[in-house]
Every structure is written in C-alpha cells, then in structure tokens.
Amino acid sequence: SLRVFHTDVDVRFSGDLVTVGNRIYAVAESGDGSTYGVATLEPRRPARLELVDFLPIEGIEGRYGRLAWLDDGYLVLGAEREGLVLLELDPDGSLQPRDRLGLPGVAWRFDLSGELMVSAELEYGLRWVRGPLDSGRREFGSSPEDEWDGVAIIPGTEWIAGQRSRKTVEVFRLEDEPVSVSSDSLGWDGSINHIEAIPGYVAVTGSIQYQLLTVGQEGHLSSVEHVHGVPAINIGLSLWSDTLAIVSQGSLRMELRTYVPGDSVTMQRANWAPAVGTPFDVDVLGREAAFATGNGVEIYDLSDPDSPRLDGRWHVAYQLVKDVALSAEHVVAATWDSLYVLDRAGAEIRRVAAAPIPTDPVDVQLARDDQGRPHIVCGFFHSGYLVFALREGQVELLPAPPPELWGFEDRRAGSPVVAPVHPGTTGLHQ
C-alpha cells in the first residue's frame, strides 16, 4: 500500500532528488534561505522522513538544481549557472564534494566551423574563439555594442551570417570587430528563432515564418522569399546538386521545401507530423533529417522529397528530448538533464553513451578537432558551454577554458561566472 511520509526538517526542497538504497538525496536550501546544497534523508517509522545530513555547497547560489546518480559512486549536482559539482558517496552514505566544473559564458545561439566558434549573446553582444576545442585556445574577441539574436558560420568562407539589432540579416567577417560585408532587411520586425547557413544560402526562422536569402561571391545578401504561415522554429539546409533542400520544424509538423537557383520562390514538397511525439529540433545531413520528438529521435530519408521515409527511431522514457545533432556515425540527443550518444550504424539506433548536463541546453552541436576527432558542444543560456570528447563510444567531459581566455562575464552582476576548474573530473562520463 502507498504510505505518505512527512518531514518537519528546517530545509526547503528547491530542486531535484534521487534515491540510493534507502536514502534520499535532494537539492535544498536552508530554512533561512542563506545556504544552498544537498539534503540527505532517511525514512523512519511511523511514516516520517528524518534529515540525516545537509551538505552546503560553497559559492552556490540559486534554485532548481539537478541531481544525477552515477553508477561508480558519485552524484553530480547541476546548479544552473554555477556549474557542475561532483559529490562522492562514502560507504556510510554521507556526501563529500570532490570536484567542480564552472561553465563560462552567456550563451544564446552559437555556431562552430573548424576551429572557430561564434556566440550570439542577445543584448550582451557577440563573442568568438579560435583554437582547438579541447585545449590551447589561441584567440578570442568580443563586440558587446550591438544586440545579436543569432549567428551562423558560412562554411568554406570567411563570412558569418547573423541578425543584429533585430531588423536586418547581415553577412560580416571577424577582425578586431565584426566588419559588415552586406545586409538585407528581415521580413518581419522582431527576433528570430534560428539562423542556418551553407555556402550560397542563409535561412532565418520566426516560429511561423522563414526567410531565404542567397549569398553572392562577394558576400552580397539578396532575399529570395519570405514565407508566412509555415512551421519554422528551427531549420536545416542541404545542397542536393543544384537543388537546395530546406527542412523546417514547427510546434506540430515538419516541412520540406526545395529551391532551384534562378527561381523566384521555393516549392513545398512535403508536410508531415512525426510518427510519435512532437517536433522540437531538426538537423539535416545530406538527404537525411533527424528530429527531436520529445520522447525520442526520428531519422527520415529524404531521397524522395515528396514522401520522406522514416528510416530509424529511438525512444527514451520519462525524458523530454529537445535537441538533436546528426553525423554519419552518430546521433546526439539532449534532454533537460542528460546527453545521449546514439549509434546509427546498425539496423537499429541504439544508445552507446550518456552523460549528465546541468540544465536544458539551448543548442547542441557536433564538431571535430584539428585531428578530426568528434566533440559535442552544448550551450546553456546563462551557463556558457560544456565540451565533451566522443572517444570509442564514450563521452568524456573536457575541462572548461579559463575565464580570462574566454573573457565572459555576468555583466549584470559585474563578476565572472566561472568557478575554478580542476582537471581530471572522474565520474562525469559513462
């Protein structure tokens, strides 16, 4: 039978909880709200919970933290903008803090190409880093003067597409400051949801509308079409010979359109709903598209643009899959507290690795370092970035770059948001 337990302990439970054996570990604040940490509770008879311990986490301020249990005897506390804290579970059930990984930056939208990473920070401006993903970052820059809603690096060129100050789409190159090459008016007055770029084309979305622009040899932007009333929260682009494929995702449906250079409009080819779930994100690779569908991932074969075919599906229970990244070998899916790596080489999509993350990411991307090794980069709104190395089916969390190299600050508080980084964060990968 179901029994209701009560507790009169002087803490306030403000986040996640996990159970290990007969103990409960919960994110909590002290009764006066001055301390944030992890409470340990045990059930007692008759129908009571007893506070066994309360571990304050120094320097952590905030609520709605997340806890994840790792099978090798560790708990990970994700404290939103304060980073990840690794807690070791002693044999007697007590917790000991062992490591901390601060998260640099303020992330809204970002893009990666080669060794260049560019981050748009809304009213806080634009930042960029050149250098290997995992170490030895060589150069960084920032431009805090303007408001940037999104950025997309145009592969194979020195140009970057972005939306500055909400009214224009712009192509620029990076010197000491962003140097504008050309711009064109946005089809609507307001913010964008997503911006995507491939050689020759830029597309921006605004929930129920999108705009397609061409990029000339000198970086000149020219609007092709502004379409209203289509599902367009996120968008992916792919070149099929001389045909551009445009795959967009709305709150209920997905759409595939094509464009042939010289035409004045795009052509709708397919409009469909996922087999199960609701679309949250899309990533396109060649003639394939992967969608995050809330309860999993669906991959579609777009070889027949008029009739996309479901080619694979992965389901996860009790999670909300909102971000997806696609490569030839893997699919990366992200929920509000977990990162999953899926192998798609066989007949069925299967999970091969997982890692905890502190909160819901705004974007997840796959990239490769200078040796061609895959990495996963997650951007978190007020918490910056985490970089994971993908090695032989395992996910390894890499040390965060020092704050003085990134130069990120919480400009609202006037202080850096990065905690000290201690390399060798054992237990943060599975």
Protein backbone atom coordinates (compact mmCIF):
# COMPACT_ATOMS: atom_id res chain seq x y z
CA SER A 1 0.00 0.00 0.00
CA LEU A 2 1.04 3.61 -0.54
CA ARG A 3 2.31 5.42 2.55
CA VAL A 4 2.70 9.19 2.83
CA PHE A 5 5.81 10.34 4.65
CA HIS A 6 6.16 13.74 6.31
CA THR A 7 9.15 15.77 7.45
CA ASP A 8 9.47 18.79 9.71
CA VAL A 9 13.13 19.46 8.92
CA ASP A 10 14.26 23.04 8.57
CA VAL A 11 15.17 22.96 4.88
CA ARG A 12 13.30 23.90 1.75
CA PHE A 13 13.42 21.46 -1.13
CA SER A 14 14.03 23.50 -4.25
CA GLY A 15 15.07 21.11 -6.97
CA ASP A 16 15.71 17.53 -7.98
CA LEU A 17 16.08 14.38 -5.88
CA VAL A 18 17.48 10.88 -6.33
CA THR A 19 17.23 7.73 -4.21
CA VAL A 20 20.20 5.49 -3.47
CA GLY A 21 19.36 2.47 -1.37
CA ASN A 22 17.09 3.62 1.43
CA ARG A 23 18.36 7.20 1.37
CA ILE A 24 17.02 10.23 -0.45
CA TYR A 25 19.33 12.98 -1.69
CA ALA A 26 17.56 16.23 -2.54
CA VAL A 27 18.59 19.70 -3.71
CA ALA A 28 17.63 22.02 -0.87
CA GLU A 29 18.10 25.38 0.81
CA SER A 30 18.48 26.03 4.49
CA GLY A 31 15.37 27.27 6.23
CA ASP A 32 16.54 30.89 6.21
CA GLY A 33 17.47 30.70 2.51
CA SER A 34 21.12 31.55 3.14
CA THR A 35 22.68 28.22 2.10
CA TYR A 36 22.20 26.00 -0.92
CA GLY A 37 23.24 22.36 -1.04
CA VAL A 38 22.14 18.71 -0.85
CA ALA A 39 20.00 17.25 1.94
CA THR A 40 20.18 13.56 2.92
CA LEU A 41 17.01 11.99 4.32
CA GLU A 42 16.03 8.55 5.58
CA PRO A 43 12.53 7.12 6.13
CA ARG A 44 11.66 6.39 9.75
CA ARG A 45 8.69 4.72 11.34
CA PRO A 46 5.96 5.69 11.67
CA ALA A 47 5.78 7.39 8.27
CA ARG A 48 8.38 10.09 8.79
CA LEU A 49 11.46 11.34 6.96
CA GLU A 50 14.46 12.29 9.07
CA LEU A 51 17.08 14.79 7.93
CA VAL A 52 20.34 12.88 8.30
CA ASP A 53 22.67 15.47 6.85
CA PHE A 54 22.74 18.74 4.94
CA LEU A 55 25.83 19.42 2.83
CA PRO A 56 26.20 23.13 1.97
CA ILE A 57 27.92 23.80 -1.35
CA GLU A 58 30.15 26.85 -1.00
CA GLY A 59 29.67 29.54 -3.62
CA ILE A 60 26.46 28.05 -4.99
CA GLU A 61 23.52 30.42 -5.11
CA GLY A 62 20.29 29.69 -6.87
CA ARG A 63 17.43 27.24 -7.03
CA TYR A 64 16.10 24.42 -9.20
CA GLY A 65 19.32 22.43 -9.28
CA ARG A 66 19.50 18.95 -10.83
CA LEU A 67 20.93 15.75 -9.38
CA ALA A 68 22.19 12.75 -11.33
CA TRP A 69 23.43 9.42 -9.92
CA LEU A 70 26.48 7.79 -11.49
CA ASP A 71 26.93 4.05 -11.03
CA ASP A 72 30.52 4.38 -9.79
CA GLY A 73 29.52 6.03 -6.51
CA TYR A 74 29.11 9.68 -7.42
CA LEU A 75 26.31 12.23 -7.51
CA VAL A 76 26.50 15.19 -9.88
CA LEU A 77 24.79 18.42 -8.85
CA GLY A 78 23.96 20.69 -11.78
CA ALA A 79 23.39 24.12 -10.29
CA GLU A 80 22.32 26.02 -13.41
CA ARG A 81 24.67 28.97 -13.95
CA GLU A 82 27.06 27.86 -11.17
CA GLY A 83 28.21 24.74 -12.97
CA LEU A 84 28.63 21.07 -12.10
CA VAL A 85 29.64 19.83 -8.66
CA LEU A 86 30.88 16.24 -8.27
CA LEU A 87 29.89 14.62 -4.96
CA GLU A 88 31.31 11.28 -3.79
CA LEU A 89 29.07 8.94 -1.81
CA ASP A 90 31.03 7.48 1.11
CA PRO A 91 30.30 3.93 2.36
CA ASP A 92 28.36 5.36 5.32
CA GLY A 93 26.06 7.24 2.93
CA SER A 94 27.49 10.71 3.53
CA LEU A 95 28.46 13.02 0.67
CA GLN A 96 31.84 14.61 0.08
CA PRO A 97 32.43 17.31 -2.56
CA ARG A 98 35.26 16.20 -4.86
CA ASP A 99 35.36 18.47 -7.88
CA ARG A 100 33.70 21.41 -9.58
CA LEU A 101 33.47 22.49 -13.18
CA GLY A 102 32.42 26.07 -13.80
CA LEU A 103 30.67 26.96 -17.03
CA PRO A 104 31.94 30.08 -18.80
CA GLY A 105 29.80 32.44 -20.75
CA VAL A 106 26.35 33.61 -21.58
CA ALA A 107 25.03 31.55 -24.47
CA TRP A 108 22.01 32.21 -26.66
CA ARG A 109 22.91 30.90 -30.10
CA PHE A 110 26.29 29.66 -31.29
CA ASP A 111 27.90 28.05 -34.30
CA LEU A 112 31.07 26.06 -34.97
CA SER A 113 33.22 25.55 -38.04
CA GLY A 114 36.71 24.12 -37.88
CA GLU A 115 38.46 25.91 -35.03
CA LEU A 116 36.13 28.91 -34.99
CA MET A 117 33.28 29.22 -32.52
CA VAL A 118 30.98 32.27 -32.53
CA SER A 119 28.41 33.01 -29.83
CA ALA A 120 25.48 35.45 -30.03
CA GLU A 121 24.50 36.80 -26.60
CA LEU A 122 21.42 38.92 -27.31
CA GLU A 123 21.89 42.37 -25.75
CA TYR A 124 25.33 41.38 -24.45
CA GLY A 125 26.85 41.28 -27.93
CA LEU A 126 28.97 38.82 -29.86
CA ARG A 127 31.96 36.67 -28.84
CA TRP A 128 34.25 34.37 -30.75
CA VAL A 129 37.09 31.95 -30.08
CA ARG A 130 39.65 30.48 -32.48
CA GLY A 131 41.53 27.38 -31.43
CA PRO A 132 41.15 23.65 -30.68
CA LEU A 133 38.00 22.69 -28.85
CA ASP A 134 39.72 20.84 -26.02
CA SER A 135 42.84 22.87 -25.22
CA GLY A 136 45.18 25.66 -26.24
CA ARG A 137 42.53 28.18 -27.29
CA ARG A 138 44.61 30.80 -29.02
CA GLU A 139 42.50 33.83 -29.68
CA PHE A 140 39.26 35.38 -28.56
CA GLY A 141 37.35 38.54 -29.30
CA SER A 142 34.13 40.28 -28.41
CA SER A 143 31.83 43.01 -29.60
CA PRO A 144 29.38 43.98 -26.83
CA GLU A 145 27.96 47.07 -28.50
CA ASP A 146 25.12 45.57 -30.52
CA GLU A 147 22.32 43.10 -29.89
CA TRP A 148 22.79 39.77 -31.68
CA ASP A 149 19.96 37.24 -31.94
CA GLY A 150 21.79 34.52 -33.84
CA VAL A 151 24.86 33.60 -35.87
CA ALA A 152 25.74 31.00 -38.49
CA ILE A 153 29.21 30.49 -39.96
CA ILE A 154 29.14 30.07 -43.74
CA PRO A 155 31.39 27.02 -44.30
CA GLY A 156 34.37 27.43 -46.62
CA THR A 157 34.31 31.23 -46.41
CA GLU A 158 35.50 33.96 -44.08
CA TRP A 159 31.91 35.15 -43.63
CA ILE A 160 29.40 34.77 -40.84
CA ALA A 161 25.68 35.43 -41.11
CA GLY A 162 23.83 36.95 -38.18
CA GLN A 163 20.95 39.06 -37.05
CA ARG A 164 21.98 42.35 -35.49
CA SER A 165 19.54 44.63 -33.68
CA ARG A 166 16.52 42.60 -34.85
CA LYS A 167 15.82 44.42 -38.11
CA THR A 168 18.41 43.08 -40.56
CA VAL A 169 20.16 39.91 -41.64
CA GLU A 170 23.85 40.60 -42.09
CA VAL A 171 26.96 38.98 -43.52
CA PHE A 172 30.18 40.02 -41.78
CA ARG A 173 33.74 38.92 -41.24
CA LEU A 174 35.68 38.96 -37.99
CA GLU A 175 38.61 41.29 -37.46
CA ASP A 176 39.05 43.27 -34.24
CA GLU A 177 35.32 43.90 -34.59
CA PRO A 178 32.64 42.38 -36.83
CA VAL A 179 33.08 44.07 -40.23
CA SER A 180 29.85 44.20 -42.22
CA VAL A 181 30.03 42.88 -45.78
CA SER A 182 26.35 43.28 -46.69
CA SER A 183 22.89 43.26 -45.14
CA ASP A 184 19.26 42.86 -46.09
CA SER A 185 16.02 43.67 -44.32
CA LEU A 186 14.38 40.98 -42.25
CA GLY A 187 10.91 40.10 -43.46
CA TRP A 188 9.43 40.86 -40.03
CA ASP A 189 10.17 43.25 -37.19
CA GLY A 190 11.34 41.22 -34.23
CA SER A 191 13.57 38.43 -33.07
CA ILE A 192 14.40 35.23 -34.90
CA ASN A 193 14.23 31.65 -33.67
CA HIS A 194 17.07 30.21 -35.69
CA ILE A 195 19.57 31.05 -38.42
CA GLU A 196 21.26 28.50 -40.69
CA ALA A 197 23.89 28.97 -43.40
CA ILE A 198 25.58 26.87 -46.07
CA PRO A 199 27.69 28.10 -49.00
CA GLY A 200 25.46 30.34 -51.08
CA TYR A 201 22.44 30.46 -48.78
CA VAL A 202 21.17 31.79 -45.44
CA ALA A 203 17.79 30.99 -43.86
CA VAL A 204 16.22 32.55 -40.77
CA THR A 205 13.06 31.49 -38.93
CA GLY A 206 10.43 33.21 -36.82
CA SER A 207 8.11 30.48 -35.45
CA ILE A 208 5.51 30.57 -38.25
CA GLN A 209 7.63 32.19 -40.95
CA TYR A 210 11.02 31.95 -42.56
CA GLN A 211 13.15 33.92 -44.99
CA LEU A 212 15.57 32.52 -47.55
CA LEU A 213 18.48 34.63 -48.81
CA THR A 214 21.29 33.97 -51.27
CA VAL A 215 24.91 34.87 -50.57
CA GLY A 216 26.90 36.02 -53.61
CA GLN A 217 30.62 35.53 -54.27
CA GLU A 218 31.47 38.83 -52.60
CA GLY A 219 29.22 38.10 -49.64
CA HIS A 220 26.30 40.10 -51.02
CA LEU A 221 22.94 39.15 -49.48
CA SER A 222 19.77 39.05 -51.52
CA SER A 223 16.36 37.96 -50.24
CA VAL A 224 14.66 35.22 -52.30
CA GLU A 225 11.47 34.63 -50.36
CA HIS A 226 9.68 35.38 -47.12
CA VAL A 227 7.08 32.72 -46.36
CA HIS A 228 4.48 33.23 -43.63
CA GLY A 229 2.29 30.55 -42.11
CA VAL A 230 4.73 27.62 -42.22
CA PRO A 231 6.19 25.52 -39.38
CA ALA A 232 9.53 27.22 -38.85
CA ILE A 233 11.00 27.24 -35.35
CA ASN A 234 14.24 25.52 -36.39
CA ILE A 235 15.55 24.91 -39.89
CA GLY A 236 18.17 22.86 -41.72
CA LEU A 237 19.69 23.33 -45.17
CA SER A 238 21.30 20.86 -47.57
CA LEU A 239 22.54 21.12 -51.15
CA TRP A 240 21.49 18.30 -53.48
CA SER A 241 23.50 19.01 -56.62
CA ASP A 242 21.94 22.27 -57.86
CA THR A 243 18.86 21.97 -55.63
CA LEU A 244 18.61 23.46 -52.14
CA ALA A 245 16.62 21.43 -49.60
CA ILE A 246 15.02 23.39 -46.78
CA VAL A 247 13.76 21.31 -43.84
CA SER A 248 11.86 23.21 -41.17
CA GLN A 249 10.23 22.17 -37.91
CA GLY A 250 7.32 23.81 -36.14
CA SER A 251 5.49 23.05 -32.92
CA LEU A 252 3.40 20.26 -34.51
CA ARG A 253 4.68 19.44 -38.01
CA MET A 254 7.73 19.33 -40.27
CA GLU A 255 8.07 20.65 -43.79
CA LEU A 256 10.40 20.07 -46.74
CA ARG A 257 10.77 22.69 -49.47
CA THR A 258 13.21 22.86 -52.39
CA TYR A 259 14.72 25.75 -54.30
CA VAL A 260 16.48 25.80 -57.68
CA PRO A 261 18.79 28.77 -58.37
CA GLY A 262 17.10 31.31 -60.60
CA ASP A 263 13.59 30.54 -59.38
CA SER A 264 11.71 33.31 -57.62
CA VAL A 265 10.09 31.06 -55.00
CA THR A 266 10.65 27.79 -53.17
CA MET A 267 8.44 24.75 -53.74
CA GLN A 268 6.69 22.87 -50.96
CA ARG A 269 7.40 19.14 -51.33
CA ALA A 270 6.19 17.53 -48.09
CA ASN A 271 4.47 18.49 -44.85
CA TRP A 272 4.16 15.79 -42.20
CA ALA A 273 3.98 15.03 -38.49
CA PRO A 274 6.36 12.76 -36.58
CA ALA A 275 5.35 9.13 -36.15
CA VAL A 276 5.27 9.61 -32.38
CA GLY A 277 5.67 12.76 -30.32
CA THR A 278 6.09 16.46 -31.09
CA PRO A 279 8.98 18.01 -33.05
CA PHE A 280 11.39 20.18 -31.04
CA ASP A 281 14.53 20.38 -33.19
CA VAL A 282 15.92 19.35 -36.59
CA ASP A 283 19.36 18.65 -38.03
CA VAL A 284 19.99 17.85 -41.69
CA LEU A 285 22.87 15.90 -43.24
CA GLY A 286 22.81 15.23 -46.96
CA ARG A 287 19.50 13.56 -47.75
CA GLU A 288 18.68 12.72 -44.15
CA ALA A 289 16.97 14.72 -41.41
CA ALA A 290 16.92 13.96 -37.68
CA PHE A 291 14.17 15.33 -35.47
CA ALA A 292 14.00 15.55 -31.68
CA THR A 293 10.44 14.47 -30.93
CA GLY A 294 10.15 14.90 -27.18
CA ASN A 295 10.10 11.18 -26.41
CA GLY A 296 13.00 10.31 -28.70
CA VAL A 297 14.59 10.83 -32.10
CA GLU A 298 13.31 10.10 -35.60
CA ILE A 299 15.52 9.97 -38.71
CA TYR A 300 13.95 10.44 -42.14
CA ASP A 301 15.28 9.53 -45.58
CA LEU A 302 14.61 12.50 -47.89
CA SER A 303 15.66 10.80 -51.14
CA ASP A 304 12.10 11.22 -52.35
CA PRO A 305 11.41 14.84 -51.31
CA ASP A 306 7.70 14.40 -51.89
CA SER A 307 7.46 11.47 -49.49
CA PRO A 308 10.05 11.41 -46.65
CA ARG A 309 10.50 7.91 -45.24
CA LEU A 310 11.01 7.10 -41.56
CA ASP A 311 14.38 5.34 -41.52
CA GLY A 312 15.01 4.92 -37.81
CA ARG A 313 13.64 5.77 -34.40
CA TRP A 314 14.98 5.81 -30.84
CA HIS A 315 12.70 6.14 -27.82
CA VAL A 316 13.50 7.17 -24.25
CA ALA A 317 11.03 7.05 -21.37
CA TYR A 318 10.42 9.79 -18.80
CA GLN A 319 12.57 12.34 -20.62
CA LEU A 320 11.95 15.29 -22.94
CA VAL A 321 14.30 15.16 -25.94
CA LYS A 322 14.52 18.74 -27.26
CA ASP A 323 17.83 18.93 -29.12
CA VAL A 324 19.42 16.72 -31.76
CA ALA A 325 22.65 16.69 -33.78
CA LEU A 326 23.33 14.31 -36.67
CA SER A 327 26.55 12.88 -38.09
CA ALA A 328 27.30 9.97 -40.41
CA GLU A 329 28.06 7.67 -37.46
CA HIS A 330 26.16 9.10 -34.51
CA VAL A 331 23.12 10.97 -33.31
CA VAL A 332 23.37 13.18 -30.22
CA ALA A 333 20.16 13.81 -28.28
CA ALA A 334 19.77 16.13 -25.28
CA THR A 335 17.12 16.36 -22.58
CA TRP A 336 16.83 18.77 -19.65
CA ASP A 337 19.46 16.86 -17.67
CA SER A 338 21.11 14.25 -19.92
CA LEU A 339 23.14 13.94 -23.08
CA TYR A 340 22.77 10.72 -25.11
CA VAL A 341 25.03 9.41 -27.88
CA LEU A 342 23.33 7.03 -30.29
CA ASP A 343 24.97 4.66 -32.75
CA ARG A 344 23.15 4.58 -36.08
CA ALA A 345 25.48 2.26 -37.98
CA GLY A 346 23.44 -0.91 -37.49
CA ALA A 347 19.91 -1.95 -38.33
CA GLU A 348 18.58 -0.17 -35.23
CA ILE A 349 19.52 3.05 -33.50
CA ARG A 350 20.99 2.21 -30.10
CA ARG A 351 22.32 4.19 -27.17
CA VAL A 352 26.06 3.80 -26.62
CA ALA A 353 26.86 6.52 -24.07
CA ALA A 354 25.25 9.09 -21.77
CA ALA A 355 26.39 11.98 -19.60
CA PRO A 356 24.65 14.32 -17.14
CA ILE A 357 24.30 18.01 -18.01
CA PRO A 358 23.29 20.77 -15.58
CA THR A 359 20.17 22.07 -17.28
CA ASP A 360 18.24 22.27 -20.55
CA PRO A 361 20.65 23.31 -23.37
CA VAL A 362 19.73 25.99 -25.90
CA ASP A 363 21.65 24.12 -28.59
CA VAL A 364 23.79 21.04 -29.13
CA GLN A 365 26.28 20.67 -31.99
CA LEU A 366 28.76 18.09 -33.22
CA ALA A 367 32.20 19.27 -34.26
CA ARG A 368 35.69 17.90 -34.86
CA ASP A 369 39.05 19.00 -33.54
CA ASP A 370 42.17 19.60 -35.65
CA GLN A 371 42.82 15.83 -35.71
CA GLY A 372 39.32 15.04 -36.94
CA ARG A 373 38.15 13.63 -33.60
CA PRO A 374 34.49 14.26 -32.77
CA HIS A 375 33.38 16.58 -29.99
CA ILE A 376 29.96 17.57 -28.67
CA VAL A 377 29.38 21.19 -27.66
CA CYS A 378 26.37 22.13 -25.50
CA GLY A 379 25.34 25.74 -24.96
CA PHE A 380 23.42 26.73 -21.82
CA PHE A 381 21.69 30.11 -21.66
CA HIS A 382 23.26 31.69 -18.53
CA SER A 383 25.82 28.94 -18.00
CA GLY A 384 28.04 29.06 -21.07
CA TYR A 385 29.32 25.89 -22.68
CA LEU A 386 30.33 22.32 -21.99
CA VAL A 387 32.59 20.43 -24.40
CA PHE A 388 32.54 16.62 -24.49
CA ALA A 389 35.02 14.42 -26.32
CA LEU A 390 33.49 11.40 -28.06
CA ARG A 391 36.05 8.60 -27.89
CA GLU A 392 35.35 4.98 -28.82
CA GLY A 393 31.72 5.23 -27.83
CA GLN A 394 32.41 7.02 -24.53
CA VAL A 395 31.60 10.62 -23.63
CA GLU A 396 34.31 12.48 -21.71
CA LEU A 397 33.68 15.91 -20.24
CA LEU A 398 36.64 18.16 -21.02
CA PRO A 399 37.97 20.86 -18.67
CA ALA A 400 36.38 24.25 -19.24
CA PRO A 401 38.59 27.01 -20.61
CA PRO A 402 39.77 29.60 -18.06
CA PRO A 403 37.58 32.70 -17.79
CA GLU A 404 40.37 35.11 -18.67
CA LEU A 405 40.70 33.40 -22.05
CA TRP A 406 37.02 33.49 -22.88
CA GLY A 407 36.51 36.90 -21.31
CA PHE A 408 32.91 36.08 -20.43
CA GLU A 409 31.37 37.96 -17.53
CA ASP A 410 27.97 38.20 -15.99
CA ARG A 411 27.69 41.85 -16.85
CA ARG A 412 24.55 42.23 -14.81
CA ALA A 413 26.47 41.29 -11.66
CA GLY A 414 29.85 42.61 -12.77
CA SER A 415 31.73 39.43 -11.87
CA PRO A 416 32.95 36.32 -13.67
CA VAL A 417 30.58 33.36 -13.70
CA VAL A 418 33.30 30.72 -13.87
CA ALA A 419 34.32 28.68 -10.83
CA PRO A 420 37.84 27.21 -10.56
CA VAL A 421 38.40 24.26 -12.87
CA HIS A 422 40.11 21.11 -11.65
CA PRO A 423 41.18 18.77 -14.48
CA GLY A 424 40.52 15.06 -14.27
CA THR A 425 36.84 15.16 -13.32
CA THR A 426 36.46 11.46 -12.58
CA GLY A 427 32.94 10.14 -12.80
CA LEU A 428 31.45 12.72 -15.13
CA HIS A 429 31.24 10.30 -18.02
CA GLN A 430 29.62 6.97 -18.53
